Amino acid sequence: MNDDSSGQPRSWLEKLTDLFSDDPQSRQDIKEIVREAAERSIVDGETLSILEGALQISDMQVRDIMIPKSQMVSININDTLKDCLPAIIESAHSRFPVMGDNPDDVQGILLAKDLLPLLLDQNIATFRLRDVIRKKVVVPESKRLHLLLREFRIARNHMAIVVDEFGGVAGLVTIEDVLEQIVGEIEDEHDFDEEETLIKEVEPGITVVKALTPLDDFNEHFDTNIPDDDFDTIGGVVTHKFGRVPECNDLTQIAGWNFRVIHGTSRQINLLEVTRIHETAD
């Protein structure tokens, strides 16, 4: 990949020409080309991350990114409008699985916007969820993400129910979950505001910290002295402590504090819950 038949090193342009004229031998070949392009400032770091993310999703399965069943915000098919509105408002989601009496019985998907016309309806007492829910889309845990993204795009769907090998509900996945593997975290108006603050005490003794918080700012806020020789952010320190990209709810301890991952992707962590060790001890 690096030398031609004469043994002479090949230029980046020659490698790029090969990329478009011949079939690469592997995705690793493509990664090497785009990384060299980044090193030569042909593309910036963000573009490199997006390109690598796009290549990565073909190796990933739905089970790698799905929201597990235990964390799903769902609504029961027999709920009244008064019953389901609190969960809809509190979660601020736009789509909800609607379940039957059986925990594996998904009746359909409710779009929150479909409830808006009911605000003008004088007959709310006659409301039935089954009259407004939309057809569910079901995918297996093993489905490749690039195939799921293609199906989402063609069918214009935004959410799918994930089932295990026995047909039971394993979780759900959204188009945003897939896109975040490519472009990184997608925040909306309901997310922890990056411009407002990076460190936020949500209740006494419990603080939510963005992983990208500069280590100097973290040390100052928590009166810690975590060395900043090798890492610029607290997320880098935590990831290094795990020795891998941690998953949601993974817990570790650093400098007298508990760090629990509360949001992230397969490529990075985004939010941490920080508490003093003695405050969570039995």
Protein backbone atom coordinates (compact mmCIF):
# COMPACT_ATOMS: atom_id res chain seq x y z
CA MET A 1 0.00 0.00 0.00
CA ASN A 2 2.93 2.33 0.70
CA ASP A 3 5.33 1.47 -2.15
CA ASP A 4 5.01 0.98 -5.91
CA SER A 5 6.49 -1.92 -7.89
CA SER A 6 9.85 -0.11 -8.15
CA GLY A 7 10.13 0.11 -4.40
CA GLN A 8 9.77 3.91 -4.37
CA PRO A 9 7.43 5.57 -1.85
CA ARG A 10 4.15 6.67 -3.40
CA SER A 11 2.78 10.15 -2.92
CA TRP A 12 -0.50 10.90 -1.17
CA LEU A 13 -1.94 12.00 -4.52
CA GLU A 14 -1.06 8.66 -6.08
CA LYS A 15 -2.73 6.86 -3.19
CA LEU A 16 -5.82 9.03 -3.53
CA THR A 17 -5.90 8.36 -7.28
CA ASP A 18 -5.74 4.63 -6.56
CA LEU A 19 -8.67 4.99 -4.20
CA PHE A 20 -10.90 6.25 -7.00
CA SER A 21 -9.50 4.16 -9.83
CA ASP A 22 -9.16 0.74 -8.18
CA ASP A 23 -10.98 -1.16 -5.47
CA PRO A 24 -9.18 -0.74 -2.12
CA GLN A 25 -8.04 -3.99 -0.59
CA SER A 26 -9.70 -3.18 2.73
CA ARG A 27 -11.36 -0.45 4.75
CA GLN A 28 -8.07 -0.12 6.59
CA ASP A 29 -6.52 1.04 3.30
CA ILE A 30 -9.13 3.78 3.08
CA LYS A 31 -8.56 4.79 6.70
CA GLU A 32 -4.84 5.13 6.07
CA ILE A 33 -5.48 7.40 3.11
CA VAL A 34 -7.86 9.74 4.93
CA ARG A 35 -5.60 9.84 8.01
CA GLU A 36 -2.66 10.81 5.83
CA ALA A 37 -4.86 13.47 4.24
CA ALA A 38 -5.56 14.84 7.71
CA GLU A 39 -1.86 14.82 8.59
CA ARG A 40 -1.21 16.88 5.47
CA SER A 41 -4.08 19.26 6.39
CA ILE A 42 -6.01 18.24 3.27
CA VAL A 43 -8.98 17.56 5.58
CA ASP A 44 -9.46 18.82 9.13
CA GLY A 45 -9.82 16.72 12.25
CA GLU A 46 -13.61 16.93 12.33
CA THR A 47 -13.86 15.75 8.73
CA LEU A 48 -11.50 12.88 9.51
CA SER A 49 -13.69 11.86 12.44
CA ILE A 50 -16.79 11.86 10.24
CA LEU A 51 -15.08 9.79 7.53
CA GLU A 52 -13.85 7.26 10.07
CA GLY A 53 -17.29 7.13 11.67
CA ALA A 54 -18.90 6.46 8.30
CA LEU A 55 -16.49 3.59 7.73
CA GLN A 56 -17.01 2.26 11.25
CA ILE A 57 -20.79 1.84 11.13
CA SER A 58 -20.55 -0.97 8.58
CA ASP A 59 -18.74 -2.98 11.27
CA MET A 60 -21.28 -2.17 13.98
CA GLN A 61 -24.58 -3.82 14.83
CA VAL A 62 -27.78 -2.40 16.28
CA ARG A 63 -27.03 -4.04 19.64
CA ASP A 64 -23.92 -1.83 19.92
CA ILE A 65 -25.90 1.41 20.13
CA MET A 66 -29.52 0.57 21.01
CA ILE A 67 -31.30 1.98 24.03
CA PRO A 68 -31.91 -1.12 26.20
CA LYS A 69 -35.43 -2.10 27.14
CA SER A 70 -34.86 -1.11 30.77
CA GLN A 71 -34.21 2.49 29.71
CA MET A 72 -37.06 2.85 27.21
CA VAL A 73 -39.69 5.48 27.92
CA SER A 74 -42.86 3.76 26.79
CA ILE A 75 -46.61 4.29 27.04
CA ASN A 76 -49.31 1.71 27.62
CA ILE A 77 -51.94 1.27 24.94
CA ASN A 78 -54.70 1.69 27.55
CA ASP A 79 -53.39 5.01 28.89
CA THR A 80 -55.65 8.04 28.75
CA LEU A 81 -54.31 11.35 27.52
CA LYS A 82 -53.98 12.45 31.15
CA ASP A 83 -52.03 9.27 31.96
CA CYS A 84 -49.45 9.57 29.20
CA LEU A 85 -48.82 13.33 29.08
CA PRO A 86 -46.56 13.47 32.19
CA ALA A 87 -44.11 10.93 30.72
CA ILE A 88 -44.15 12.70 27.36
CA ILE A 89 -43.48 16.10 28.88
CA GLU A 90 -40.84 14.92 31.35
CA SER A 91 -38.79 12.94 28.82
CA ALA A 92 -39.10 15.58 26.07
CA HIS A 93 -38.83 12.80 23.47
CA SER A 94 -40.67 13.05 20.17
CA ARG A 95 -41.47 9.34 19.71
CA PHE A 96 -42.60 6.65 22.14
CA PRO A 97 -43.14 2.88 21.90
CA VAL A 98 -46.72 2.01 22.81
CA MET A 99 -46.90 -1.29 24.67
CA GLY A 100 -49.68 -3.76 25.30
CA ASP A 101 -50.14 -5.68 28.54
CA ASN A 102 -47.34 -8.07 27.54
CA PRO A 103 -43.88 -6.45 27.93
CA ASP A 104 -42.91 -7.76 24.50
CA ASP A 105 -46.11 -6.60 22.81
CA VAL A 106 -45.32 -3.37 20.95
CA GLN A 107 -48.56 -2.01 19.53
CA GLY A 108 -47.01 0.85 17.60
CA ILE A 109 -45.19 4.17 17.85
CA LEU A 110 -46.68 7.40 19.16
CA LEU A 111 -45.46 10.69 17.73
CA ALA A 112 -45.88 13.44 20.29
CA LYS A 113 -46.87 15.89 17.57
CA ASP A 114 -49.89 13.74 16.75
CA LEU A 115 -51.36 14.75 20.10
CA LEU A 116 -51.30 18.48 19.32
CA PRO A 117 -54.60 18.52 17.37
CA LEU A 118 -56.28 17.04 20.44
CA LEU A 119 -55.70 20.30 22.30
CA LEU A 120 -58.43 21.82 20.14
CA ASP A 121 -60.66 18.78 20.39
CA GLN A 122 -63.59 19.15 22.73
CA ASN A 123 -64.01 15.36 22.96
CA ILE A 124 -60.76 14.43 24.72
CA ALA A 125 -62.70 11.97 26.85
CA THR A 126 -63.06 9.75 23.78
CA PHE A 127 -59.30 9.70 23.14
CA ARG A 128 -57.76 6.30 22.41
CA LEU A 129 -54.06 5.78 21.80
CA ARG A 130 -54.74 3.04 19.29
CA ASP A 131 -56.41 5.65 17.06
CA VAL A 132 -53.28 7.81 16.75
CA ILE A 133 -50.32 5.41 16.94
CA ARG A 134 -48.30 4.62 13.85
CA LYS A 135 -47.00 1.32 12.55
CA LYS A 136 -43.92 -0.04 14.32
CA VAL A 137 -40.69 -0.96 12.56
CA VAL A 138 -38.89 -4.01 13.96
CA VAL A 139 -35.21 -4.86 13.44
CA PRO A 140 -32.97 -7.60 14.88
CA GLU A 141 -30.10 -6.85 17.26
CA SER A 142 -27.65 -8.18 14.70
CA LYS A 143 -28.58 -5.76 11.91
CA ARG A 144 -25.64 -3.75 10.55
CA LEU A 145 -25.91 -0.02 11.15
CA HIS A 146 -25.22 1.04 7.55
CA LEU A 147 -28.13 -1.15 6.41
CA LEU A 148 -30.40 0.27 9.11
CA LEU A 149 -29.48 3.83 8.12
CA ARG A 150 -30.35 3.05 4.51
CA GLU A 151 -33.73 1.62 5.54
CA PHE A 152 -34.45 4.60 7.78
CA ARG A 153 -33.70 6.95 4.88
CA ILE A 154 -35.74 5.07 2.25
CA ALA A 155 -38.78 4.48 4.48
CA ARG A 156 -38.46 7.86 6.21
CA ASN A 157 -38.61 6.21 9.62
CA HIS A 158 -36.88 7.61 12.70
CA MET A 159 -37.32 4.82 15.25
CA ALA A 160 -37.23 1.03 15.23
CA ILE A 161 -37.97 -1.55 17.90
CA VAL A 162 -35.07 -3.96 18.44
CA VAL A 163 -35.80 -7.63 19.07
CA ASP A 164 -33.53 -10.43 20.24
CA GLU A 165 -33.09 -13.83 18.64
CA PHE A 166 -36.22 -15.12 20.39
CA GLY A 167 -38.41 -12.25 19.19
CA GLY A 168 -38.54 -10.48 22.55
CA VAL A 169 -38.09 -6.72 22.81
CA ALA A 170 -34.44 -5.88 23.49
CA GLY A 171 -34.64 -2.11 23.14
CA LEU A 172 -35.06 0.59 20.55
CA VAL A 173 -32.86 2.53 18.14
CA THR A 174 -33.35 5.87 16.42
CA ILE A 175 -31.86 7.44 13.33
CA GLU A 176 -30.16 9.97 15.61
CA ASP A 177 -28.38 7.11 17.41
CA VAL A 178 -26.95 5.95 14.08
CA LEU A 179 -25.98 9.42 12.87
CA GLU A 180 -24.17 10.14 16.13
CA GLN A 181 -21.81 7.26 15.34
CA ILE A 182 -20.77 9.25 12.26
CA VAL A 183 -20.87 12.91 13.25
CA GLY A 184 -20.65 12.70 17.04
CA GLU A 185 -23.11 13.86 19.67
CA ILE A 186 -26.16 15.69 18.32
CA GLU A 187 -27.55 18.03 20.94
CA ASP A 188 -30.92 19.74 21.00
CA GLU A 189 -32.60 22.35 23.14
CA HIS A 190 -33.32 19.76 25.83
CA ASP A 191 -29.70 18.71 26.26
CA PHE A 192 -27.27 20.03 28.86
CA ASP A 193 -26.36 23.43 27.35
CA GLU A 194 -22.67 23.53 26.41
CA GLU A 195 -22.60 27.33 26.23
CA GLU A 196 -24.25 27.75 29.64
CA THR A 197 -22.02 25.54 31.75
CA LEU A 198 -19.85 22.46 31.66
CA ILE A 199 -20.34 21.57 35.33
CA LYS A 200 -23.82 21.52 36.86
CA GLU A 201 -24.92 20.41 40.32
CA VAL A 202 -28.26 18.67 39.73
CA GLU A 203 -28.92 17.97 43.41
CA PRO A 204 -26.90 18.21 46.63
CA GLY A 205 -23.78 16.08 46.31
CA ILE A 206 -24.46 15.06 42.72
CA THR A 207 -22.84 16.95 39.85
CA VAL A 208 -23.15 16.36 36.12
CA VAL A 209 -19.97 17.16 34.20
CA LYS A 210 -19.41 17.24 30.47
CA ALA A 211 -16.59 14.97 29.40
CA LEU A 212 -15.05 17.80 27.38
CA THR A 213 -14.62 19.95 30.51
CA PRO A 214 -11.01 21.21 30.58
CA LEU A 215 -9.06 19.46 33.32
CA ASP A 216 -7.97 22.79 34.82
CA ASP A 217 -11.63 23.80 35.22
CA PHE A 218 -12.49 20.45 36.79
CA ASN A 219 -9.62 20.67 39.27
CA GLU A 220 -10.60 24.19 40.25
CA HIS A 221 -14.27 23.34 40.75
CA PHE A 222 -13.74 20.13 42.72
CA ASP A 223 -10.52 21.24 44.45
CA THR A 224 -8.64 18.27 43.03
CA ASN A 225 -5.14 18.02 41.63
CA ILE A 226 -5.46 15.55 38.76
CA PRO A 227 -2.29 15.90 36.60
CA ASP A 228 -2.90 17.54 33.22
CA ASP A 229 0.36 16.45 31.59
CA ASP A 230 -1.22 13.83 29.33
CA PHE A 231 -4.88 14.87 29.12
CA ASP A 232 -6.69 18.12 28.39
CA THR A 233 -10.19 17.07 29.50
CA ILE A 234 -11.71 15.11 32.34
CA GLY A 235 -13.22 12.75 29.76
CA GLY A 236 -9.72 11.83 28.61
CA VAL A 237 -8.69 11.03 32.18
CA VAL A 238 -11.75 8.85 32.79
CA THR A 239 -11.39 6.97 29.49
CA HIS A 240 -7.73 6.31 30.25
CA LYS A 241 -8.64 4.97 33.70
CA PHE A 242 -11.00 2.42 32.14
CA GLY A 243 -8.50 1.52 29.42
CA ARG A 244 -11.35 1.59 26.89
CA VAL A 245 -14.37 3.66 25.94
CA PRO A 246 -16.68 3.01 28.90
CA GLU A 247 -20.38 2.25 28.58
CA CYS A 248 -23.31 3.94 30.27
CA ASN A 249 -23.45 3.27 34.04
CA ASP A 250 -19.80 2.17 34.15
CA LEU A 251 -18.26 3.46 37.38
CA THR A 252 -14.69 4.29 38.36
CA GLN A 253 -12.95 6.25 41.12
CA ILE A 254 -10.36 9.00 40.70
CA ALA A 255 -8.87 11.37 43.25
CA GLY A 256 -11.50 10.69 45.90
CA TRP A 257 -14.47 10.99 43.55
CA ASN A 258 -16.85 8.52 41.86
CA PHE A 259 -17.28 8.96 38.12
CA ARG A 260 -20.31 7.28 36.55
CA VAL A 261 -20.88 7.48 32.80
CA ILE A 262 -24.43 8.63 32.13
CA HIS A 263 -24.26 9.35 28.41
CA GLY A 264 -21.97 8.46 25.54
CA THR A 265 -21.51 6.59 22.29
CA SER A 266 -19.32 3.68 21.25
CA ARG A 267 -16.59 6.18 20.37
CA GLN A 268 -16.67 8.64 23.25
CA ILE A 269 -18.22 9.56 26.57
CA ASN A 270 -20.29 12.73 26.83
CA LEU A 271 -21.64 13.14 30.35
CA LEU A 272 -20.38 12.06 33.77
CA GLU A 273 -22.09 11.98 37.15
CA VAL A 274 -19.58 12.93 39.83
CA THR A 275 -20.03 12.27 43.57
CA ARG A 276 -17.70 12.04 46.54
CA ILE A 277 -16.74 8.44 47.29
CA HIS A 278 -17.87 8.58 50.93
CA GLU A 279 -21.30 9.85 49.88
CA THR A 280 -22.07 6.65 47.94
CA ALA A 281 -20.46 4.17 50.31
CA ASP A 282 -22.70 1.70 52.10
